[in-house]
Amino acid sequence: MFFHDIFWGGIWFGWMFRMLIIVIVIWLVVHSFSRNQNNRNMQLPAESALDILKKRYARGEISKEQFEQMRKDLE
């Protein structure tokens, strides 16, 4: 039992050492989770030019003739 107390920092510092380990483990888990979320957001597929063109037409930014001509240009 004596060796165990010395190894873990004795009576006064043993609990602080254990709390430090717990805090580090929690931080690593949270940091890993947030990093994975950021990676997922960055891997979203980019919109194609045709998708952007369709959205512009749907919002009324371009006329049907302009949409048809631009679509032909893209194909």
PDB file of N, CA and C in Angstrom:
ATOM      1  N   MET A   1       0.809  -1.186   0.000  1.00  0.00           N
ATOM      2  CA  MET A   1       0.000   0.000   0.000  1.00  0.00           C
ATOM      3  C   MET A   1       0.858   1.257   0.000  1.00  0.00           C
ATOM      4  N   PHE A   2       2.003   1.183   0.655  1.00  0.00           N
ATOM      5  CA  PHE A   2       2.908   2.326   0.721  1.00  0.00           C
ATOM      6  C   PHE A   2       3.402   2.705  -0.681  1.00  0.00           C
ATOM      7  N   PHE A   3       3.781   1.705  -1.476  1.00  0.00           N
ATOM      8  CA  PHE A   3       4.261   1.959  -2.833  1.00  0.00           C
ATOM      9  C   PHE A   3       3.177   2.618  -3.682  1.00  0.00           C
ATOM     10  N   HIS A   4       1.944   2.184  -3.507  1.00  0.00           N
ATOM     11  CA  HIS A   4       0.822   2.748  -4.251  1.00  0.00           C
ATOM     12  C   HIS A   4       0.655   4.230  -3.940  1.00  0.00           C
ATOM     13  N   ASP A   5       0.790   4.630  -2.688  1.00  0.00           N
ATOM     14  CA  ASP A   5       0.650   6.032  -2.306  1.00  0.00           C
ATOM     15  C   ASP A   5       1.773   6.885  -2.870  1.00  0.00           C
ATOM     16  N   ILE A   6       2.982   6.358  -2.896  1.00  0.00           N
ATOM     17  CA  ILE A   6       4.108   7.114  -3.442  1.00  0.00           C
ATOM     18  C   ILE A   6       3.954   7.267  -4.949  1.00  0.00           C
ATOM     19  N   PHE A   7       3.570   6.190  -5.615  1.00  0.00           N
ATOM     20  CA  PHE A   7       3.441   6.220  -7.069  1.00  0.00           C
ATOM     21  C   PHE A   7       2.386   7.224  -7.522  1.00  0.00           C
ATOM     22  N   TRP A   8       1.263   7.319  -6.862  1.00  0.00           N
ATOM     23  CA  TRP A   8       0.181   8.209  -7.240  1.00  0.00           C
ATOM     24  C   TRP A   8       0.315   9.605  -6.628  1.00  0.00           C
ATOM     25  N   GLY A   9       1.411   9.917  -5.964  1.00  0.00           N
ATOM     26  CA  GLY A   9       1.635  11.254  -5.460  1.00  0.00           C
ATOM     27  C   GLY A   9       1.265  11.442  -4.013  1.00  0.00           C
ATOM     28  N   GLY A  10       1.007  10.410  -3.307  1.00  0.00           N
ATOM     29  CA  GLY A  10       0.697  10.528  -1.897  1.00  0.00           C
ATOM     30  C   GLY A  10      -0.735  10.952  -1.656  1.00  0.00           C
ATOM     31  N   ILE A  11      -1.012  11.235  -0.405  1.00  0.00           N
ATOM     32  CA  ILE A  11      -2.377  11.563  -0.003  1.00  0.00           C
ATOM     33  C   ILE A  11      -2.838  12.884  -0.602  1.00  0.00           C
ATOM     34  N   TRP A  12      -1.971  13.899  -0.622  1.00  0.00           N
ATOM     35  CA  TRP A  12      -2.399  15.236  -1.025  1.00  0.00           C
ATOM     36  C   TRP A  12      -2.453  15.429  -2.531  1.00  0.00           C
ATOM     37  N   PHE A  13      -1.546  14.833  -3.259  1.00  0.00           N
ATOM     38  CA  PHE A  13      -1.487  15.077  -4.698  1.00  0.00           C
ATOM     39  C   PHE A  13      -2.094  13.959  -5.535  1.00  0.00           C
ATOM     40  N   GLY A  14      -2.409  12.856  -4.935  1.00  0.00           N
ATOM     41  CA  GLY A  14      -2.983  11.736  -5.680  1.00  0.00           C
ATOM     42  C   GLY A  14      -4.306  12.084  -6.325  1.00  0.00           C
ATOM     43  N   TRP A  15      -5.181  12.749  -5.594  1.00  0.00           N
ATOM     44  CA  TRP A  15      -6.488  13.102  -6.153  1.00  0.00           C
ATOM     45  C   TRP A  15      -6.352  14.140  -7.260  1.00  0.00           C
ATOM     46  N   MET A  16      -5.396  15.056  -7.145  1.00  0.00           N
ATOM     47  CA  MET A  16      -5.192  16.053  -8.208  1.00  0.00           C
ATOM     48  C   MET A  16      -4.676  15.390  -9.478  1.00  0.00           C
ATOM     49  N   PHE A  17      -3.782  14.410  -9.308  1.00  0.00           N
ATOM     50  CA  PHE A  17      -3.256  13.692 -10.458  1.00  0.00           C
ATOM     51  C   PHE A  17      -4.363  12.917 -11.166  1.00  0.00           C
ATOM     52  N   ARG A  18      -5.211  12.265 -10.394  1.00  0.00           N
ATOM     53  CA  ARG A  18      -6.332  11.523 -10.983  1.00  0.00           C
ATOM     54  C   ARG A  18      -7.303  12.458 -11.690  1.00  0.00           C
ATOM     55  N   MET A  19      -7.597  13.615 -11.101  1.00  0.00           N
ATOM     56  CA  MET A  19      -8.500  14.585 -11.728  1.00  0.00           C
ATOM     57  C   MET A  19      -7.895  15.126 -13.023  1.00  0.00           C
ATOM     58  N   LEU A  20      -6.588  15.350 -13.022  1.00  0.00           N
ATOM     59  CA  LEU A  20      -5.911  15.823 -14.226  1.00  0.00           C
ATOM     60  C   LEU A  20      -6.045  14.802 -15.349  1.00  0.00           C
ATOM     61  N   ILE A  21      -5.876  13.540 -15.032  1.00  0.00           N
ATOM     62  CA  ILE A  21      -6.026  12.485 -16.038  1.00  0.00           C
ATOM     63  C   ILE A  21      -7.454  12.465 -16.574  1.00  0.00           C
ATOM     64  N   ILE A  22      -8.444  12.577 -15.715  1.00  0.00           N
ATOM     65  CA  ILE A  22      -9.845  12.576 -16.137  1.00  0.00           C
ATOM     66  C   ILE A  22     -10.129  13.769 -17.037  1.00  0.00           C
ATOM     67  N   VAL A  23      -9.643  14.949 -16.668  1.00  0.00           N
ATOM     68  CA  VAL A  23      -9.862  16.156 -17.475  1.00  0.00           C
ATOM     69  C   VAL A  23      -9.210  16.005 -18.844  1.00  0.00           C
ATOM     70  N   ILE A  24      -8.019  15.461 -18.902  1.00  0.00           N
ATOM     71  CA  ILE A  24      -7.336  15.265 -20.183  1.00  0.00           C
ATOM     72  C   ILE A  24      -8.101  14.288 -21.064  1.00  0.00           C
ATOM     73  N   VAL A  25      -8.593  13.204 -20.494  1.00  0.00           N
ATOM     74  CA  VAL A  25      -9.364  12.223 -21.271  1.00  0.00           C
ATOM     75  C   VAL A  25     -10.649  12.862 -21.810  1.00  0.00           C
ATOM     76  N   ILE A  26     -11.346  13.620 -20.986  1.00  0.00           N
ATOM     77  CA  ILE A  26     -12.577  14.285 -21.432  1.00  0.00           C
ATOM     78  C   ILE A  26     -12.259  15.276 -22.546  1.00  0.00           C
ATOM     79  N   TRP A  27     -11.190  16.051 -22.389  1.00  0.00           N
ATOM     80  CA  TRP A  27     -10.811  17.022 -23.412  1.00  0.00           C
ATOM     81  C   TRP A  27     -10.489  16.323 -24.738  1.00  0.00           C
ATOM     82  N   LEU A  28      -9.770  15.208 -24.675  1.00  0.00           N
ATOM     83  CA  LEU A  28      -9.435  14.472 -25.895  1.00  0.00           C
ATOM     84  C   LEU A  28     -10.683  13.960 -26.608  1.00  0.00           C
ATOM     85  N   VAL A  29     -11.646  13.462 -25.843  1.00  0.00           N
ATOM     86  CA  VAL A  29     -12.888  12.969 -26.447  1.00  0.00           C
ATOM     87  C   VAL A  29     -13.646  14.111 -27.109  1.00  0.00           C
ATOM     88  N   VAL A  30     -13.802  15.226 -26.407  1.00  0.00           N
ATOM     89  CA  VAL A  30     -14.532  16.375 -26.960  1.00  0.00           C
ATOM     90  C   VAL A  30     -13.805  16.929 -28.174  1.00  0.00           C
ATOM     91  N   HIS A  31     -12.502  17.065 -28.095  1.00  0.00           N
ATOM     92  CA  HIS A  31     -11.718  17.598 -29.212  1.00  0.00           C
ATOM     93  C   HIS A  31     -11.814  16.672 -30.431  1.00  0.00           C
ATOM     94  N   SER A  32     -11.752  15.394 -30.210  1.00  0.00           N
ATOM     95  CA  SER A  32     -11.856  14.437 -31.309  1.00  0.00           C
ATOM     96  C   SER A  32     -13.228  14.517 -31.967  1.00  0.00           C
ATOM     97  N   PHE A  33     -14.281  14.636 -31.174  1.00  0.00           N
ATOM     98  CA  PHE A  33     -15.634  14.722 -31.720  1.00  0.00           C
ATOM     99  C   PHE A  33     -15.808  15.995 -32.537  1.00  0.00           C
ATOM    100  N   SER A  34     -15.336  17.128 -32.037  1.00  0.00           N
ATOM    101  CA  SER A  34     -15.493  18.387 -32.772  1.00  0.00           C
ATOM    102  C   SER A  34     -14.661  18.378 -34.049  1.00  0.00           C
ATOM    103  N   ARG A  35     -13.515  17.747 -34.024  1.00  0.00           N
ATOM    104  CA  ARG A  35     -12.685  17.662 -35.223  1.00  0.00           C
ATOM    105  C   ARG A  35     -13.387  16.823 -36.299  1.00  0.00           C
ATOM    106  N   ASN A  36     -14.039  15.719 -35.888  1.00  0.00           N
ATOM    107  CA  ASN A  36     -14.766  14.889 -36.844  1.00  0.00           C
ATOM    108  C   ASN A  36     -15.933  15.641 -37.453  1.00  0.00           C
ATOM    109  N   GLN A  37     -16.634  16.453 -36.673  1.00  0.00           N
ATOM    110  CA  GLN A  37     -17.739  17.248 -37.187  1.00  0.00           C
ATOM    111  C   GLN A  37     -17.243  18.253 -38.218  1.00  0.00           C
ATOM    112  N   ASN A  38     -16.107  18.889 -37.953  1.00  0.00           N
ATOM    113  CA  ASN A  38     -15.559  19.853 -38.901  1.00  0.00           C
ATOM    114  C   ASN A  38     -15.160  19.174 -40.195  1.00  0.00           C
ATOM    115  N   ASN A  39     -14.604  17.986 -40.122  1.00  0.00           N
ATOM    116  CA  ASN A  39     -14.216  17.259 -41.329  1.00  0.00           C
ATOM    117  C   ASN A  39     -15.429  16.880 -42.158  1.00  0.00           C
ATOM    118  N   ARG A  40     -16.508  16.507 -41.517  1.00  0.00           N
ATOM    119  CA  ARG A  40     -17.730  16.167 -42.261  1.00  0.00           C
ATOM    120  C   ARG A  40     -18.270  17.380 -42.996  1.00  0.00           C
ATOM    121  N   ASN A  41     -18.235  18.544 -42.372  1.00  0.00           N
ATOM    122  CA  ASN A  41     -18.740  19.750 -43.017  1.00  0.00           C
ATOM    123  C   ASN A  41     -17.887  20.147 -44.206  1.00  0.00           C
ATOM    124  N   MET A  42     -16.614  19.878 -44.155  1.00  0.00           N
ATOM    125  CA  MET A  42     -15.720  20.265 -45.231  1.00  0.00           C
ATOM    126  C   MET A  42     -15.828  19.322 -46.427  1.00  0.00           C
ATOM    127  N   GLN A  43     -16.394  18.146 -46.267  1.00  0.00           N
ATOM    128  CA  GLN A  43     -16.432  17.173 -47.332  1.00  0.00           C
ATOM    129  C   GLN A  43     -17.743  17.184 -48.110  1.00  0.00           C
ATOM    130  N   LEU A  44     -18.529  18.224 -47.945  1.00  0.00           N
ATOM    131  CA  LEU A  44     -19.768  18.311 -48.704  1.00  0.00           C
ATOM    132  C   LEU A  44     -19.443  18.492 -50.182  1.00  0.00           C
ATOM    133  N   PRO A  45     -20.196  17.841 -51.069  1.00  0.00           N
ATOM    134  CA  PRO A  45     -19.899  17.984 -52.496  1.00  0.00           C
ATOM    135  C   PRO A  45     -20.192  19.404 -52.974  1.00  0.00           C
ATOM    136  N   ALA A  46     -19.359  19.872 -53.876  1.00  0.00           N
ATOM    137  CA  ALA A  46     -19.541  21.213 -54.426  1.00  0.00           C
ATOM    138  C   ALA A  46     -20.725  21.217 -55.393  1.00  0.00           C
ATOM    139  N   GLU A  47     -21.382  22.354 -55.492  1.00  0.00           N
ATOM    140  CA  GLU A  47     -22.501  22.472 -56.418  1.00  0.00           C
ATOM    141  C   GLU A  47     -21.966  22.544 -57.845  1.00  0.00           C
ATOM    142  N   SER A  48     -22.669  21.913 -58.740  1.00  0.00           N
ATOM    143  CA  SER A  48     -22.276  21.996 -60.138  1.00  0.00           C
ATOM    144  C   SER A  48     -22.787  23.311 -60.721  1.00  0.00           C
ATOM    145  N   ALA A  49     -22.246  23.681 -61.857  1.00  0.00           N
ATOM    146  CA  ALA A  49     -22.668  24.918 -62.517  1.00  0.00           C
ATOM    147  C   ALA A  49     -24.148  24.845 -62.908  1.00  0.00           C
ATOM    148  N   LEU A  50     -24.594  23.657 -63.289  1.00  0.00           N
ATOM    149  CA  LEU A  50     -25.997  23.496 -63.664  1.00  0.00           C
ATOM    150  C   LEU A  50     -26.921  23.675 -62.458  1.00  0.00           C
ATOM    151  N   ASP A  51     -26.503  23.193 -61.295  1.00  0.00           N
ATOM    152  CA  ASP A  51     -27.291  23.391 -60.078  1.00  0.00           C
ATOM    153  C   ASP A  51     -27.420  24.874 -59.745  1.00  0.00           C
ATOM    154  N   ILE A  52     -26.331  25.596 -59.871  1.00  0.00           N
ATOM    155  CA  ILE A  52     -26.359  27.036 -59.603  1.00  0.00           C
ATOM    156  C   ILE A  52     -27.257  27.742 -60.605  1.00  0.00           C
ATOM    157  N   LEU A  53     -27.171  27.335 -61.851  1.00  0.00           N
ATOM    158  CA  LEU A  53     -28.012  27.922 -62.894  1.00  0.00           C
ATOM    159  C   LEU A  53     -29.489  27.671 -62.618  1.00  0.00           C
ATOM    160  N   LYS A  54     -29.830  26.465 -62.198  1.00  0.00           N
ATOM    161  CA  LYS A  54     -31.220  26.146 -61.863  1.00  0.00           C
ATOM    162  C   LYS A  54     -31.720  26.990 -60.701  1.00  0.00           C
ATOM    163  N   LYS A  55     -30.884  27.210 -59.707  1.00  0.00           N
ATOM    164  CA  LYS A  55     -31.286  28.037 -58.566  1.00  0.00           C
ATOM    165  C   LYS A  55     -31.508  29.482 -58.983  1.00  0.00           C
ATOM    166  N   ARG A  56     -30.645  29.991 -59.854  1.00  0.00           N
ATOM    167  CA  ARG A  56     -30.811  31.370 -60.326  1.00  0.00           C
ATOM    168  C   ARG A  56     -32.118  31.516 -61.097  1.00  0.00           C
ATOM    169  N   TYR A  57     -32.448  30.532 -61.903  1.00  0.00           N
ATOM    170  CA  TYR A  57     -33.706  30.563 -62.661  1.00  0.00           C
ATOM    171  C   TYR A  57     -34.902  30.474 -61.711  1.00  0.00           C
ATOM    172  N   ALA A  58     -34.802  29.619 -60.707  1.00  0.00           N
ATOM    173  CA  ALA A  58     -35.891  29.464 -59.747  1.00  0.00           C
ATOM    174  C   ALA A  58     -36.109  30.749 -58.940  1.00  0.00           C
ATOM    175  N   ARG A  59     -35.057  31.489 -58.659  1.00  0.00           N
ATOM    176  CA  ARG A  59     -35.191  32.753 -57.925  1.00  0.00           C
ATOM    177  C   ARG A  59     -35.648  33.898 -58.812  1.00  0.00           C
ATOM    178  N   GLY A  60     -35.692  33.671 -60.127  1.00  0.00           N
ATOM    179  CA  GLY A  60     -36.137  34.708 -61.048  1.00  0.00           C
ATOM    180  C   GLY A  60     -35.038  35.672 -61.455  1.00  0.00           C
ATOM    181  N   GLU A  61     -33.803  35.318 -61.243  1.00  0.00           N
ATOM    182  CA  GLU A  61     -32.689  36.199 -61.603  1.00  0.00           C
ATOM    183  C   GLU A  61     -32.445  36.217 -63.111  1.00  0.00           C
ATOM    184  N   ILE A  62     -32.807  35.142 -63.793  1.00  0.00           N
ATOM    185  CA  ILE A  62     -32.621  35.065 -65.242  1.00  0.00           C
ATOM    186  C   ILE A  62     -33.920  34.591 -65.885  1.00  0.00           C
ATOM    187  N   SER A  63     -34.079  34.946 -67.163  1.00  0.00           N
ATOM    188  CA  SER A  63     -35.296  34.548 -67.889  1.00  0.00           C
ATOM    189  C   SER A  63     -35.143  33.119 -68.405  1.00  0.00           C
ATOM    190  N   LYS A  64     -36.260  32.605 -68.955  1.00  0.00           N
ATOM    191  CA  LYS A  64     -36.236  31.240 -69.484  1.00  0.00           C
ATOM    192  C   LYS A  64     -35.281  31.141 -70.671  1.00  0.00           C
ATOM    193  N   GLU A  65     -35.267  32.158 -71.518  1.00  0.00           N
ATOM    194  CA  GLU A  65     -34.372  32.151 -72.676  1.00  0.00           C
ATOM    195  C   GLU A  65     -32.908  32.156 -72.227  1.00  0.00           C
ATOM    196  N   GLN A  66     -32.606  32.986 -71.234  1.00  0.00           N
ATOM    197  CA  GLN A  66     -31.244  33.016 -70.714  1.00  0.00           C
ATOM    198  C   GLN A  66     -30.869  31.664 -70.099  1.00  0.00           C
ATOM    199  N   PHE A  67     -31.817  31.072 -69.364  1.00  0.00           N
ATOM    200  CA  PHE A  67     -31.559  29.772 -68.742  1.00  0.00           C
ATOM    201  C   PHE A  67     -31.260  28.719 -69.806  1.00  0.00           C
ATOM    202  N   GLU A  68     -32.088  28.674 -70.853  1.00  0.00           N
ATOM    203  CA  GLU A  68     -31.889  27.672 -71.907  1.00  0.00           C
ATOM    204  C   GLU A  68     -30.554  27.870 -72.607  1.00  0.00           C
ATOM    205  N   GLN A  69     -30.209  29.128 -72.894  1.00  0.00           N
ATOM    206  CA  GLN A  69     -28.951  29.389 -73.580  1.00  0.00           C
ATOM    207  C   GLN A  69     -27.761  28.999 -72.696  1.00  0.00           C
ATOM    208  N   MET A  70     -27.803  29.369 -71.420  1.00  0.00           N
ATOM    209  CA  MET A  70     -26.697  29.040 -70.517  1.00  0.00           C
ATOM    210  C   MET A  70     -26.588  27.536 -70.314  1.00  0.00           C
ATOM    211  N   ARG A  71     -27.736  26.853 -70.265  1.00  0.00           N
ATOM    212  CA  ARG A  71     -27.724  25.394 -70.094  1.00  0.00           C
ATOM    213  C   ARG A  71     -27.076  24.733 -71.312  1.00  0.00           C
ATOM    214  N   LYS A  72     -27.407  25.244 -72.508  1.00  0.00           N
ATOM    215  CA  LYS A  72     -26.793  24.700 -73.730  1.00  0.00           C
ATOM    216  C   LYS A  72     -25.285  24.947 -73.725  1.00  0.00           C
ATOM    217  N   ASP A  73     -24.882  26.122 -73.231  1.00  0.00           N
ATOM    218  CA  ASP A  73     -23.448  26.443 -73.182  1.00  0.00           C
ATOM    219  C   ASP A  73     -22.702  25.503 -72.244  1.00  0.00           C
ATOM    220  N   LEU A  74     -23.370  25.115 -71.166  1.00  0.00           N
ATOM    221  CA  LEU A  74     -22.726  24.237 -70.191  1.00  0.00           C
ATOM    222  C   LEU A  74     -22.619  22.806 -70.685  1.00  0.00           C
ATOM    223  N   GLU A  75     -23.530  22.392 -71.504  1.00  0.00           N
ATOM    224  CA  GLU A  75     -23.517  21.003 -72.001  1.00  0.00           C
ATOM    225  C   GLU A  75     -22.632  20.875 -73.158  1.00  0.00           C
TER     226      GLU A  75
END
